[in-house]
């Protein structure tokens, strides 16, 4: 097992990405909470069942991951392919091409990755 010393720049970049993701998730959760409170508050009449039904309908209609991802043509495989392609090639053109192939490129990347790519994001 090869032990490599991470530079301070690599550590700062990893921490920046981590904090950006956590901040985005937190803001999204707060936005969702306020949205649900707004929907519940906008239905002054009716029972708790009616308010819950309205919130469920809104979530089902607007926040369905499957519905929006399929309509926009972006899948999880394409996103992973773009990230893997960018890390390896640093090319926008190759990232777009690999996004088209999606999961096929992800599998290819996993099979052909280099030893330094295997431990790139290990948390130690």
PDB file of N, CA and C in Angstrom:
ATOM      1  N   UNK A   1       0.842  -1.174   0.000  1.00  0.00           N
ATOM      2  CA  UNK A   1       0.000   0.000   0.000  1.00  0.00           C
ATOM      3  C   UNK A   1       0.888   1.238   0.000  1.00  0.00           C
ATOM      4  N   UNK A   2       0.661   2.092  -0.970  1.00  0.00           N
ATOM      5  CA  UNK A   2       1.471   3.287  -1.106  1.00  0.00           C
ATOM      6  C   UNK A   2       0.814   4.433  -0.342  1.00  0.00           C
ATOM      7  N   UNK A   3       1.562   5.062   0.526  1.00  0.00           N
ATOM      8  CA  UNK A   3       1.054   6.181   1.307  1.00  0.00           C
ATOM      9  C   UNK A   3       1.611   7.459   0.700  1.00  0.00           C
ATOM     10  N   UNK A   4       0.708   8.337   0.303  1.00  0.00           N
ATOM     11  CA  UNK A   4       1.134   9.608  -0.272  1.00  0.00           C
ATOM     12  C   UNK A   4       0.743  10.732   0.663  1.00  0.00           C
ATOM     13  N   UNK A   5       1.567  11.744   0.682  1.00  0.00           N
ATOM     14  CA  UNK A   5       1.290  12.896   1.527  1.00  0.00           C
ATOM     15  C   UNK A   5       0.465  13.892   0.714  1.00  0.00           C
ATOM     16  N   UNK A   6      -0.668  14.242   1.237  1.00  0.00           N
ATOM     17  CA  UNK A   6      -1.539  15.198   0.569  1.00  0.00           C
ATOM     18  C   UNK A   6      -1.002  16.606   0.793  1.00  0.00           C
ATOM     19  N   UNK A   7      -1.030  17.398  -0.257  1.00  0.00           N
ATOM     20  CA  UNK A   7      -0.584  18.777  -0.117  1.00  0.00           C
ATOM     21  C   UNK A   7      -1.692  19.598   0.522  1.00  0.00           C
ATOM     22  N   UNK A   8      -1.319  20.742   1.035  1.00  0.00           N
ATOM     23  CA  UNK A   8      -2.325  21.599   1.679  1.00  0.00           C
ATOM     24  C   UNK A   8      -3.343  22.090   0.662  1.00  0.00           C
ATOM     25  N   UNK A   9      -2.934  22.259  -0.605  1.00  0.00           N
ATOM     26  CA  UNK A   9      -3.871  22.694  -1.640  1.00  0.00           C
ATOM     27  C   UNK A   9      -4.921  21.614  -1.899  1.00  0.00           C
ATOM     28  N   UNK A  10      -4.502  20.351  -1.936  1.00  0.00           N
ATOM     29  CA  UNK A  10      -5.453  19.253  -2.135  1.00  0.00           C
ATOM     30  C   UNK A  10      -6.430  19.167  -0.976  1.00  0.00           C
ATOM     31  N   UNK A  11      -5.929  19.353   0.230  1.00  0.00           N
ATOM     32  CA  UNK A  11      -6.793  19.297   1.407  1.00  0.00           C
ATOM     33  C   UNK A  11      -7.783  20.462   1.391  1.00  0.00           C
ATOM     34  N   UNK A  12      -7.314  21.658   1.040  1.00  0.00           N
ATOM     35  CA  UNK A  12      -8.207  22.820   0.972  1.00  0.00           C
ATOM     36  C   UNK A  12      -9.268  22.623  -0.099  1.00  0.00           C
ATOM     37  N   UNK A  13      -8.886  22.089  -1.267  1.00  0.00           N
ATOM     38  CA  UNK A  13      -9.850  21.844  -2.335  1.00  0.00           C
ATOM     39  C   UNK A  13     -10.892  20.825  -1.908  1.00  0.00           C
ATOM     40  N   UNK A  14     -10.459  19.754  -1.237  1.00  0.00           N
ATOM     41  CA  UNK A  14     -11.388  18.728  -0.785  1.00  0.00           C
ATOM     42  C   UNK A  14     -12.354  19.308   0.250  1.00  0.00           C
ATOM     43  N   UNK A  15     -11.829  20.107   1.178  1.00  0.00           N
ATOM     44  CA  UNK A  15     -12.686  20.718   2.196  1.00  0.00           C
ATOM     45  C   UNK A  15     -13.646  21.716   1.575  1.00  0.00           C
ATOM     46  N   UNK A  16     -13.197  22.476   0.567  1.00  0.00           N
ATOM     47  CA  UNK A  16     -14.071  23.439  -0.100  1.00  0.00           C
ATOM     48  C   UNK A  16     -15.239  22.723  -0.766  1.00  0.00           C
ATOM     49  N   UNK A  17     -14.962  21.631  -1.467  1.00  0.00           N
ATOM     50  CA  UNK A  17     -16.028  20.875  -2.123  1.00  0.00           C
ATOM     51  C   UNK A  17     -16.986  20.310  -1.088  1.00  0.00           C
ATOM     52  N   UNK A  18     -16.455  19.756  -0.022  1.00  0.00           N
ATOM     53  CA  UNK A  18     -17.289  19.179   1.028  1.00  0.00           C
ATOM     54  C   UNK A  18     -18.206  20.241   1.640  1.00  0.00           C
ATOM     55  N   UNK A  19     -17.655  21.398   1.997  1.00  0.00           N
ATOM     56  CA  UNK A  19     -18.467  22.452   2.614  1.00  0.00           C
ATOM     57  C   UNK A  19     -19.472  23.032   1.632  1.00  0.00           C
ATOM     58  N   UNK A  20     -19.115  23.101   0.356  1.00  0.00           N
ATOM     59  CA  UNK A  20     -20.053  23.588  -0.647  1.00  0.00           C
ATOM     60  C   UNK A  20     -21.245  22.652  -0.757  1.00  0.00           C
ATOM     61  N   UNK A  21     -20.988  21.359  -0.761  1.00  0.00           N
ATOM     62  CA  UNK A  21     -22.083  20.390  -0.845  1.00  0.00           C
ATOM     63  C   UNK A  21     -22.963  20.461   0.396  1.00  0.00           C
ATOM     64  N   UNK A  22     -22.352  20.507   1.579  1.00  0.00           N
ATOM     65  CA  UNK A  22     -23.132  20.585   2.814  1.00  0.00           C
ATOM     66  C   UNK A  22     -23.964  21.865   2.863  1.00  0.00           C
ATOM     67  N   UNK A  23     -23.384  22.987   2.452  1.00  0.00           N
ATOM     68  CA  UNK A  23     -24.113  24.254   2.451  1.00  0.00           C
ATOM     69  C   UNK A  23     -25.279  24.204   1.484  1.00  0.00           C
ATOM     70  N   UNK A  24     -25.053  23.646   0.293  1.00  0.00           N
ATOM     71  CA  UNK A  24     -26.123  23.540  -0.696  1.00  0.00           C
ATOM     72  C   UNK A  24     -27.259  22.667  -0.183  1.00  0.00           C
ATOM     73  N   UNK A  25     -26.913  21.547   0.445  1.00  0.00           N
ATOM     74  CA  UNK A  25     -27.945  20.668   0.978  1.00  0.00           C
ATOM     75  C   UNK A  25     -28.725  21.352   2.092  1.00  0.00           C
ATOM     76  N   UNK A  26     -28.030  22.084   2.947  1.00  0.00           N
ATOM     77  CA  UNK A  26     -28.705  22.801   4.030  1.00  0.00           C
ATOM     78  C   UNK A  26     -29.654  23.865   3.507  1.00  0.00           C
ATOM     79  N   UNK A  27     -29.188  24.647   2.521  1.00  0.00           N
ATOM     80  CA  UNK A  27     -30.045  25.682   1.948  1.00  0.00           C
ATOM     81  C   UNK A  27     -31.248  25.085   1.237  1.00  0.00           C
ATOM     82  N   UNK A  28     -31.039  23.961   0.549  1.00  0.00           N
ATOM     83  CA  UNK A  28     -32.148  23.294  -0.116  1.00  0.00           C
ATOM     84  C   UNK A  28     -33.171  22.788   0.902  1.00  0.00           C
ATOM     85  N   UNK A  29     -32.701  22.253   2.019  1.00  0.00           N
ATOM     86  CA  UNK A  29     -33.612  21.778   3.063  1.00  0.00           C
ATOM     87  C   UNK A  29     -34.404  22.930   3.674  1.00  0.00           C
ATOM     88  N   UNK A  30     -33.735  24.046   3.918  1.00  0.00           N
ATOM     89  CA  UNK A  30     -34.436  25.211   4.474  1.00  0.00           C
ATOM     90  C   UNK A  30     -35.459  25.735   3.488  1.00  0.00           C
ATOM     91  N   UNK A  31     -35.081  25.811   2.199  1.00  0.00           N
ATOM     92  CA  UNK A  31     -36.020  26.264   1.174  1.00  0.00           C
ATOM     93  C   UNK A  31     -37.230  25.338   1.110  1.00  0.00           C
ATOM     94  N   UNK A  32     -36.987  24.031   1.154  1.00  0.00           N
ATOM     95  CA  UNK A  32     -38.087  23.071   1.111  1.00  0.00           C
ATOM     96  C   UNK A  32     -39.007  23.197   2.304  1.00  0.00           C
ATOM     97  N   UNK A  33     -38.432  23.431   3.479  1.00  0.00           N
ATOM     98  CA  UNK A  33     -39.241  23.604   4.680  1.00  0.00           C
ATOM     99  C   UNK A  33     -40.142  24.831   4.568  1.00  0.00           C
ATOM    100  N   UNK A  34     -39.558  25.952   4.122  1.00  0.00           N
ATOM    101  CA  UNK A  34     -40.366  27.156   3.953  1.00  0.00           C
ATOM    102  C   UNK A  34     -41.430  26.981   2.874  1.00  0.00           C
ATOM    103  N   UNK A  35     -41.119  26.241   1.833  1.00  0.00           N
ATOM    104  CA  UNK A  35     -42.088  25.987   0.776  1.00  0.00           C
ATOM    105  C   UNK A  35     -43.266  25.178   1.301  1.00  0.00           C
ATOM    106  N   UNK A  36     -42.970  24.160   2.080  1.00  0.00           N
ATOM    107  CA  UNK A  36     -44.043  23.335   2.646  1.00  0.00           C
ATOM    108  C   UNK A  36     -44.886  24.152   3.626  1.00  0.00           C
ATOM    109  N   UNK A  37     -44.235  24.982   4.444  1.00  0.00           N
ATOM    110  CA  UNK A  37     -44.982  25.840   5.367  1.00  0.00           C
ATOM    111  C   UNK A  37     -45.876  26.800   4.590  1.00  0.00           C
ATOM    112  N   UNK A  38     -45.377  27.333   3.493  1.00  0.00           N
ATOM    113  CA  UNK A  38     -46.176  28.249   2.661  1.00  0.00           C
ATOM    114  C   UNK A  38     -47.390  27.528   2.076  1.00  0.00           C
ATOM    115  N   UNK A  39     -47.192  26.308   1.602  1.00  0.00           N
ATOM    116  CA  UNK A  39     -48.305  25.563   1.016  1.00  0.00           C
ATOM    117  C   UNK A  39     -49.353  25.259   2.075  1.00  0.00           C
ATOM    118  N   UNK A  40     -48.903  24.850   3.243  1.00  0.00           N
ATOM    119  CA  UNK A  40     -49.849  24.538   4.315  1.00  0.00           C
ATOM    120  C   UNK A  40     -50.594  25.796   4.743  1.00  0.00           C
ATOM    121  N   UNK A  41     -49.876  26.920   4.846  1.00  0.00           N
ATOM    122  CA  UNK A  41     -50.509  28.166   5.257  1.00  0.00           C
ATOM    123  C   UNK A  41     -51.453  28.743   4.226  1.00  0.00           C
ATOM    124  N   UNK A  42     -51.258  28.406   2.958  1.00  0.00           N
ATOM    125  CA  UNK A  42     -52.123  28.975   1.920  1.00  0.00           C
ATOM    126  C   UNK A  42     -53.474  28.286   1.851  1.00  0.00           C
ATOM    127  N   UNK A  43     -53.628  27.164   2.498  1.00  0.00           N
ATOM    128  CA  UNK A  43     -54.906  26.461   2.548  1.00  0.00           C
ATOM    129  C   UNK A  43     -55.532  26.690   3.924  1.00  0.00           C
ATOM    130  N   UNK A  44     -56.218  27.825   4.058  1.00  0.00           N
ATOM    131  CA  UNK A  44     -56.777  28.191   5.358  1.00  0.00           C
ATOM    132  C   UNK A  44     -57.962  27.311   5.740  1.00  0.00           C
ATOM    133  N   UNK A  45     -58.719  26.903   4.773  1.00  0.00           N
ATOM    134  CA  UNK A  45     -59.892  26.094   5.090  1.00  0.00           C
ATOM    135  C   UNK A  45     -59.555  24.625   4.894  1.00  0.00           C
ATOM    136  N   UNK A  46     -60.263  23.807   5.588  1.00  0.00           N
ATOM    137  CA  UNK A  46     -60.082  22.377   5.404  1.00  0.00           C
ATOM    138  C   UNK A  46     -59.382  21.742   6.588  1.00  0.00           C
ATOM    139  N   UNK A  47     -59.369  20.445   6.533  1.00  0.00           N
ATOM    140  CA  UNK A  47     -58.790  19.672   7.629  1.00  0.00           C
ATOM    141  C   UNK A  47     -57.299  19.458   7.405  1.00  0.00           C
ATOM    142  N   UNK A  48     -56.688  18.820   8.366  1.00  0.00           N
ATOM    143  CA  UNK A  48     -55.274  18.482   8.250  1.00  0.00           C
ATOM    144  C   UNK A  48     -55.066  17.520   7.082  1.00  0.00           C
ATOM    145  N   UNK A  49     -56.040  16.674   6.829  1.00  0.00           N
ATOM    146  CA  UNK A  49     -55.953  15.755   5.706  1.00  0.00           C
ATOM    147  C   UNK A  49     -55.864  16.525   4.385  1.00  0.00           C
ATOM    148  N   UNK A  50     -56.692  17.565   4.229  1.00  0.00           N
ATOM    149  CA  UNK A  50     -56.680  18.367   3.005  1.00  0.00           C
ATOM    150  C   UNK A  50     -55.338  19.073   2.819  1.00  0.00           C
ATOM    151  N   UNK A  51     -54.793  19.596   3.909  1.00  0.00           N
ATOM    152  CA  UNK A  51     -53.491  20.268   3.821  1.00  0.00           C
ATOM    153  C   UNK A  51     -52.391  19.266   3.461  1.00  0.00           C
ATOM    154  N   UNK A  52     -52.402  18.101   4.080  1.00  0.00           N
ATOM    155  CA  UNK A  52     -51.417  17.073   3.755  1.00  0.00           C
ATOM    156  C   UNK A  52     -51.543  16.590   2.326  1.00  0.00           C
ATOM    157  N   UNK A  53     -52.772  16.481   1.865  1.00  0.00           N
ATOM    158  CA  UNK A  53     -53.010  16.070   0.484  1.00  0.00           C
ATOM    159  C   UNK A  53     -52.467  17.117  -0.492  1.00  0.00           C
ATOM    160  N   UNK A  54     -52.647  18.399  -0.148  1.00  0.00           N
ATOM    161  CA  UNK A  54     -52.134  19.478  -1.002  1.00  0.00           C
ATOM    162  C   UNK A  54     -50.609  19.465  -1.045  1.00  0.00           C
ATOM    163  N   UNK A  55     -49.974  19.270   0.103  1.00  0.00           N
ATOM    164  CA  UNK A  55     -48.507  19.217   0.151  1.00  0.00           C
ATOM    165  C   UNK A  55     -48.009  18.005  -0.641  1.00  0.00           C
ATOM    166  N   UNK A  56     -48.606  16.864  -0.453  1.00  0.00           N
ATOM    167  CA  UNK A  56     -48.210  15.668  -1.199  1.00  0.00           C
ATOM    168  C   UNK A  56     -48.374  15.834  -2.690  1.00  0.00           C
ATOM    169  N   UNK A  57     -49.475  16.460  -3.098  1.00  0.00           N
ATOM    170  CA  UNK A  57     -49.693  16.713  -4.520  1.00  0.00           C
ATOM    171  C   UNK A  57     -48.640  17.640  -5.101  1.00  0.00           C
ATOM    172  N   UNK A  58     -48.288  18.674  -4.342  1.00  0.00           N
ATOM    173  CA  UNK A  58     -47.262  19.608  -4.811  1.00  0.00           C
ATOM    174  C   UNK A  58     -45.910  18.899  -4.962  1.00  0.00           C
ATOM    175  N   UNK A  59     -45.542  18.128  -3.958  1.00  0.00           N
ATOM    176  CA  UNK A  59     -44.259  17.419  -4.008  1.00  0.00           C
ATOM    177  C   UNK A  59     -44.255  16.424  -5.163  1.00  0.00           C
ATOM    178  N   UNK A  60     -45.339  15.695  -5.324  1.00  0.00           N
ATOM    179  CA  UNK A  60     -45.417  14.712  -6.396  1.00  0.00           C
ATOM    180  C   UNK A  60     -45.350  15.385  -7.766  1.00  0.00           C
ATOM    181  N   UNK A  61     -45.966  16.542  -7.899  1.00  0.00           N
ATOM    182  CA  UNK A  61     -46.015  17.230  -9.192  1.00  0.00           C
ATOM    183  C   UNK A  61     -44.720  17.957  -9.538  1.00  0.00           C
ATOM    184  N   UNK A  62     -44.104  18.633  -8.564  1.00  0.00           N
ATOM    185  CA  UNK A  62     -42.987  19.523  -8.874  1.00  0.00           C
ATOM    186  C   UNK A  62     -41.615  19.016  -8.469  1.00  0.00           C
ATOM    187  N   UNK A  63     -41.539  18.185  -7.461  1.00  0.00           N
ATOM    188  CA  UNK A  63     -40.235  17.799  -6.947  1.00  0.00           C
ATOM    189  C   UNK A  63     -39.874  16.345  -7.220  1.00  0.00           C
ATOM    190  N   UNK A  64     -40.575  15.708  -8.120  1.00  0.00           N
ATOM    191  CA  UNK A  64     -40.283  14.317  -8.438  1.00  0.00           C
ATOM    192  C   UNK A  64     -38.973  14.234  -9.207  1.00  0.00           C
ATOM    193  N   UNK A  65     -37.992  13.556  -8.624  1.00  0.00           N
ATOM    194  CA  UNK A  65     -36.675  13.454  -9.252  1.00  0.00           C
ATOM    195  C   UNK A  65     -36.771  12.712 -10.574  1.00  0.00           C
ATOM    196  N   UNK A  66     -37.507  11.645 -10.610  1.00  0.00           N
ATOM    197  CA  UNK A  66     -37.620  10.875 -11.837  1.00  0.00           C
ATOM    198  C   UNK A  66     -38.248  11.707 -12.939  1.00  0.00           C
ATOM    199  N   UNK A  67     -39.303  12.429 -12.607  1.00  0.00           N
ATOM    200  CA  UNK A  67     -40.016  13.205 -13.609  1.00  0.00           C
ATOM    201  C   UNK A  67     -39.125  14.304 -14.187  1.00  0.00           C
ATOM    202  N   UNK A  68     -38.453  15.068 -13.343  1.00  0.00           N
ATOM    203  CA  UNK A  68     -37.649  16.181 -13.841  1.00  0.00           C
ATOM    204  C   UNK A  68     -36.376  15.699 -14.509  1.00  0.00           C
ATOM    205  N   UNK A  69     -35.735  14.660 -13.988  1.00  0.00           N
ATOM    206  CA  UNK A  69     -34.485  14.192 -14.575  1.00  0.00           C
ATOM    207  C   UNK A  69     -34.726  13.589 -15.951  1.00  0.00           C
ATOM    208  N   UNK A  70     -35.803  12.843 -16.102  1.00  0.00           N
ATOM    209  CA  UNK A  70     -36.084  12.233 -17.392  1.00  0.00           C
ATOM    210  C   UNK A  70     -36.474  13.302 -18.403  1.00  0.00           C
ATOM    211  N   UNK A  71     -37.248  14.291 -17.988  1.00  0.00           N
ATOM    212  CA  UNK A  71     -37.646  15.357 -18.905  1.00  0.00           C
ATOM    213  C   UNK A  71     -36.447  16.169 -19.373  1.00  0.00           C
ATOM    214  N   UNK A  72     -35.512  16.432 -18.496  1.00  0.00           N
ATOM    215  CA  UNK A  72     -34.354  17.235 -18.842  1.00  0.00           C
ATOM    216  C   UNK A  72     -33.269  16.418 -19.523  1.00  0.00           C
ATOM    217  N   UNK A  73     -33.361  15.114 -19.484  1.00  0.00           N
ATOM    218  CA  UNK A  73     -32.385  14.262 -20.146  1.00  0.00           C
ATOM    219  C   UNK A  73     -31.088  14.083 -19.381  1.00  0.00           C
ATOM    220  N   UNK A  74     -31.087  14.418 -18.110  1.00  0.00           N
ATOM    221  CA  UNK A  74     -29.878  14.281 -17.298  1.00  0.00           C
ATOM    222  C   UNK A  74     -30.093  13.138 -16.329  1.00  0.00           C
ATOM    223  N   UNK A  75     -29.217  12.163 -16.405  1.00  0.00           N
ATOM    224  CA  UNK A  75     -29.298  11.038 -15.498  1.00  0.00           C
ATOM    225  C   UNK A  75     -28.087  10.987 -14.597  1.00  0.00           C
ATOM    226  N   UNK A  76     -28.165  10.154 -13.604  1.00  0.00           N
ATOM    227  CA  UNK A  76     -27.060  10.008 -12.663  1.00  0.00           C
ATOM    228  C   UNK A  76     -25.800   9.518 -13.371  1.00  0.00           C
ATOM    229  N   UNK A  77     -25.948   8.597 -14.321  1.00  0.00           N
ATOM    230  CA  UNK A  77     -24.806   8.099 -15.060  1.00  0.00           C
ATOM    231  C   UNK A  77     -24.105   9.188 -15.846  1.00  0.00           C
ATOM    232  N   UNK A  78     -24.874  10.089 -16.434  1.00  0.00           N
ATOM    233  CA  UNK A  78     -24.280  11.194 -17.192  1.00  0.00           C
ATOM    234  C   UNK A  78     -23.510  12.139 -16.279  1.00  0.00           C
ATOM    235  N   UNK A  79     -24.047  12.409 -15.113  1.00  0.00           N
ATOM    236  CA  UNK A  79     -23.371  13.304 -14.178  1.00  0.00           C
ATOM    237  C   UNK A  79     -22.058  12.687 -13.698  1.00  0.00           C
ATOM    238  N   UNK A  80     -22.093  11.415 -13.341  1.00  0.00           N
ATOM    239  CA  UNK A  80     -20.870  10.743 -12.903  1.00  0.00           C
ATOM    240  C   UNK A  80     -19.862  10.678 -14.046  1.00  0.00           C
ATOM    241  N   UNK A  81     -20.345  10.431 -15.264  1.00  0.00           N
ATOM    242  CA  UNK A  81     -19.447  10.373 -16.424  1.00  0.00           C
ATOM    243  C   UNK A  81     -18.761  11.713 -16.666  1.00  0.00           C
ATOM    244  N   UNK A  82     -19.498  12.811 -16.529  1.00  0.00           N
ATOM    245  CA  UNK A  82     -18.907  14.140 -16.724  1.00  0.00           C
ATOM    246  C   UNK A  82     -17.824  14.400 -15.684  1.00  0.00           C
ATOM    247  N   UNK A  83     -18.102  14.072 -14.438  1.00  0.00           N
ATOM    248  CA  UNK A  83     -17.124  14.299 -13.371  1.00  0.00           C
ATOM    249  C   UNK A  83     -15.877  13.445 -13.588  1.00  0.00           C
ATOM    250  N   UNK A  84     -16.073  12.172 -13.906  1.00  0.00           N
ATOM    251  CA  UNK A  84     -14.927  11.286 -14.131  1.00  0.00           C
ATOM    252  C   UNK A  84     -14.120  11.738 -15.344  1.00  0.00           C
ATOM    253  N   UNK A  85     -14.803  12.123 -16.395  1.00  0.00           N
ATOM    254  CA  UNK A  85     -14.119  12.576 -17.604  1.00  0.00           C
ATOM    255  C   UNK A  85     -13.332  13.853 -17.347  1.00  0.00           C
ATOM    256  N   UNK A  86     -13.919  14.774 -16.610  1.00  0.00           N
ATOM    257  CA  UNK A  86     -13.220  16.023 -16.316  1.00  0.00           C
ATOM    258  C   UNK A  86     -11.978  15.771 -15.464  1.00  0.00           C
ATOM    259  N   UNK A  87     -12.090  14.889 -14.483  1.00  0.00           N
ATOM    260  CA  UNK A  87     -10.944  14.583 -13.631  1.00  0.00           C
ATOM    261  C   UNK A  87      -9.801  13.966 -14.425  1.00  0.00           C
ATOM    262  N   UNK A  88     -10.141  13.167 -15.418  1.00  0.00           N
ATOM    263  CA  UNK A  88      -9.102  12.493 -16.193  1.00  0.00           C
ATOM    264  C   UNK A  88      -8.567  13.377 -17.317  1.00  0.00           C
ATOM    265  N   UNK A  89      -9.442  14.069 -18.061  1.00  0.00           N
ATOM    266  CA  UNK A  89      -9.036  14.746 -19.295  1.00  0.00           C
ATOM    267  C   UNK A  89      -8.958  16.261 -19.212  1.00  0.00           C
ATOM    268  N   UNK A  90      -9.679  16.871 -18.289  1.00  0.00           N
ATOM    269  CA  UNK A  90      -9.768  18.336 -18.185  1.00  0.00           C
ATOM    270  C   UNK A  90     -10.194  18.959 -19.520  1.00  0.00           C
ATOM    271  N   UNK A  91     -11.203  18.361 -20.151  1.00  0.00           N
ATOM    272  CA  UNK A  91     -11.676  18.823 -21.452  1.00  0.00           C
ATOM    273  C   UNK A  91     -13.205  18.865 -21.457  1.00  0.00           C
ATOM    274  N   UNK A  92     -13.750  19.995 -21.842  1.00  0.00           N
ATOM    275  CA  UNK A  92     -15.203  20.137 -21.900  1.00  0.00           C
ATOM    276  C   UNK A  92     -15.776  19.253 -23.015  1.00  0.00           C
ATOM    277  N   UNK A  93     -15.101  19.216 -24.157  1.00  0.00           N
ATOM    278  CA  UNK A  93     -15.581  18.406 -25.272  1.00  0.00           C
ATOM    279  C   UNK A  93     -15.670  16.926 -24.882  1.00  0.00           C
ATOM    280  N   UNK A  94     -14.622  16.389 -24.264  1.00  0.00           N
ATOM    281  CA  UNK A  94     -14.651  14.991 -23.846  1.00  0.00           C
ATOM    282  C   UNK A  94     -15.717  14.763 -22.782  1.00  0.00           C
ATOM    283  N   UNK A  95     -15.915  15.733 -21.904  1.00  0.00           N
ATOM    284  CA  UNK A  95     -16.953  15.586 -20.875  1.00  0.00           C
ATOM    285  C   UNK A  95     -18.335  15.482 -21.497  1.00  0.00           C
ATOM    286  N   UNK A  96     -18.586  16.289 -22.527  1.00  0.00           N
ATOM    287  CA  UNK A  96     -19.893  16.239 -23.211  1.00  0.00           C
ATOM    288  C   UNK A  96     -20.069  14.899 -23.915  1.00  0.00           C
ATOM    289  N   UNK A  97     -19.027  14.456 -24.601  1.00  0.00           N
ATOM    290  CA  UNK A  97     -19.107  13.166 -25.303  1.00  0.00           C
ATOM    291  C   UNK A  97     -19.339  12.029 -24.310  1.00  0.00           C
ATOM    292  N   UNK A  98     -18.621  12.051 -23.187  1.00  0.00           N
ATOM    293  CA  UNK A  98     -18.775  10.984 -22.200  1.00  0.00           C
ATOM    294  C   UNK A  98     -20.128  11.059 -21.498  1.00  0.00           C
ATOM    295  N   UNK A  99     -20.695  12.248 -21.378  1.00  0.00           N
ATOM    296  CA  UNK A  99     -22.033  12.375 -20.789  1.00  0.00           C
ATOM    297  C   UNK A  99     -23.075  11.681 -21.655  1.00  0.00           C
ATOM    298  N   UNK A 100     -22.877  11.714 -22.960  1.00  0.00           N
ATOM    299  CA  UNK A 100     -23.812  11.040 -23.867  1.00  0.00           C
ATOM    300  C   UNK A 100     -23.798   9.530 -23.621  1.00  0.00           C
ATOM    301  N   UNK A 101     -22.617   8.975 -23.383  1.00  0.00           N
ATOM    302  CA  UNK A 101     -22.510   7.541 -23.141  1.00  0.00           C
ATOM    303  C   UNK A 101     -22.925   7.149 -21.723  1.00  0.00           C
ATOM    304  N   UNK A 102     -22.854   8.093 -20.774  1.00  0.00           N
ATOM    305  CA  UNK A 102     -23.351   7.863 -19.419  1.00  0.00           C
ATOM    306  C   UNK A 102     -22.700   6.695 -18.712  1.00  0.00           C
ATOM    307  N   UNK A 103     -23.539   5.705 -18.336  1.00  0.00           N
ATOM    308  CA  UNK A 103     -23.068   4.580 -17.536  1.00  0.00           C
ATOM    309  C   UNK A 103     -21.999   3.758 -18.256  1.00  0.00           C
ATOM    310  N   UNK A 104     -22.042   3.717 -19.589  1.00  0.00           N
ATOM    311  CA  UNK A 104     -21.010   2.967 -20.326  1.00  0.00           C
ATOM    312  C   UNK A 104     -19.629   3.554 -20.051  1.00  0.00           C
ATOM    313  N   UNK A 105     -19.524   4.898 -20.054  1.00  0.00           N
ATOM    314  CA  UNK A 105     -18.234   5.510 -19.766  1.00  0.00           C
ATOM    315  C   UNK A 105     -17.850   5.312 -18.302  1.00  0.00           C
ATOM    316  N   UNK A 106     -18.812   5.346 -17.405  1.00  0.00           N
ATOM    317  CA  UNK A 106     -18.506   5.142 -15.981  1.00  0.00           C
ATOM    318  C   UNK A 106     -17.889   3.762 -15.777  1.00  0.00           C
ATOM    319  N   UNK A 107     -18.462   2.740 -16.400  1.00  0.00           N
ATOM    320  CA  UNK A 107     -17.916   1.388 -16.286  1.00  0.00           C
ATOM    321  C   UNK A 107     -16.523   1.333 -16.913  1.00  0.00           C
ATOM    322  N   UNK A 108     -16.355   1.943 -18.080  1.00  0.00           N
ATOM    323  CA  UNK A 108     -15.043   1.989 -18.728  1.00  0.00           C
ATOM    324  C   UNK A 108     -14.017   2.682 -17.829  1.00  0.00           C
ATOM    325  N   UNK A 109     -14.426   3.786 -17.223  1.00  0.00           N
ATOM    326  CA  UNK A 109     -13.532   4.526 -16.333  1.00  0.00           C
ATOM    327  C   UNK A 109     -13.098   3.663 -15.152  1.00  0.00           C
ATOM    328  N   UNK A 110     -14.042   2.936 -14.560  1.00  0.00           N
ATOM    329  CA  UNK A 110     -13.710   2.079 -13.416  1.00  0.00           C
ATOM    330  C   UNK A 110     -12.745   0.961 -13.802  1.00  0.00           C
ATOM    331  N   UNK A 111     -12.905   0.425 -15.003  1.00  0.00           N
ATOM    332  CA  UNK A 111     -12.034  -0.666 -15.443  1.00  0.00           C
ATOM    333  C   UNK A 111     -10.630  -0.158 -15.753  1.00  0.00           C
ATOM    334  N   UNK A 112     -10.531   1.013 -16.358  1.00  0.00           N
ATOM    335  CA  UNK A 112      -9.236   1.498 -16.858  1.00  0.00           C
ATOM    336  C   UNK A 112      -8.581   2.557 -15.989  1.00  0.00           C
ATOM    337  N   UNK A 113      -9.102   2.820 -14.822  1.00  0.00           N
ATOM    338  CA  UNK A 113      -8.520   3.897 -14.020  1.00  0.00           C
ATOM    339  C   UNK A 113      -7.115   3.553 -13.534  1.00  0.00           C
ATOM    340  N   UNK A 114      -6.342   4.582 -13.373  1.00  0.00           N
ATOM    341  CA  UNK A 114      -4.944   4.444 -12.978  1.00  0.00           C
ATOM    342  C   UNK A 114      -4.844   4.350 -11.459  1.00  0.00           C
ATOM    343  N   UNK A 115      -3.711   3.838 -10.943  1.00  0.00           N
ATOM    344  CA  UNK A 115      -3.577   3.703  -9.481  1.00  0.00           C
ATOM    345  C   UNK A 115      -3.733   5.026  -8.734  1.00  0.00           C
ATOM    346  N   UNK A 116      -3.239   6.132  -9.283  1.00  0.00           N
ATOM    347  CA  UNK A 116      -3.377   7.412  -8.582  1.00  0.00           C
ATOM    348  C   UNK A 116      -4.822   7.914  -8.600  1.00  0.00           C
ATOM    349  N   UNK A 117      -5.642   7.442  -9.551  1.00  0.00           N
ATOM    350  CA  UNK A 117      -7.049   7.820  -9.574  1.00  0.00           C
ATOM    351  C   UNK A 117      -7.875   7.021  -8.562  1.00  0.00           C
ATOM    352  N   UNK A 118      -7.390   5.861  -8.188  1.00  0.00           N
ATOM    353  CA  UNK A 118      -8.133   5.017  -7.254  1.00  0.00           C
ATOM    354  C   UNK A 118      -8.199   5.618  -5.862  1.00  0.00           C
ATOM    355  N   UNK A 119      -7.134   6.281  -5.412  1.00  0.00           N
ATOM    356  CA  UNK A 119      -7.089   6.834  -4.064  1.00  0.00           C
ATOM    357  C   UNK A 119      -7.211   8.350  -4.066  1.00  0.00           C
ATOM    358  N   UNK A 120      -7.749   8.919  -5.147  1.00  0.00           N
ATOM    359  CA  UNK A 120      -7.785  10.362  -5.284  1.00  0.00           C
ATOM    360  C   UNK A 120      -8.641  11.029  -4.207  1.00  0.00           C
ATOM    361  N   UNK A 121      -9.755  10.427  -3.879  1.00  0.00           N
ATOM    362  CA  UNK A 121     -10.663  11.057  -2.938  1.00  0.00           C
ATOM    363  C   UNK A 121     -10.817  10.289  -1.646  1.00  0.00           C
ATOM    364  N   UNK A 122      -9.799   9.558  -1.265  1.00  0.00           N
ATOM    365  CA  UNK A 122      -9.876   8.825  -0.012  1.00  0.00           C
ATOM    366  C   UNK A 122      -9.782   9.815   1.159  1.00  0.00           C
ATOM    367  N   UNK A 123     -10.575   9.600   2.165  1.00  0.00           N
ATOM    368  CA  UNK A 123     -10.594  10.493   3.323  1.00  0.00           C
ATOM    369  C   UNK A 123      -9.761   9.850   4.408  1.00  0.00           C
ATOM    370  N   UNK A 124      -8.617  10.451   4.681  1.00  0.00           N
ATOM    371  CA  UNK A 124      -7.722   9.938   5.719  1.00  0.00           C
ATOM    372  C   UNK A 124      -7.372  11.048   6.670  1.00  0.00           C
TER     373      UNK A 124
END
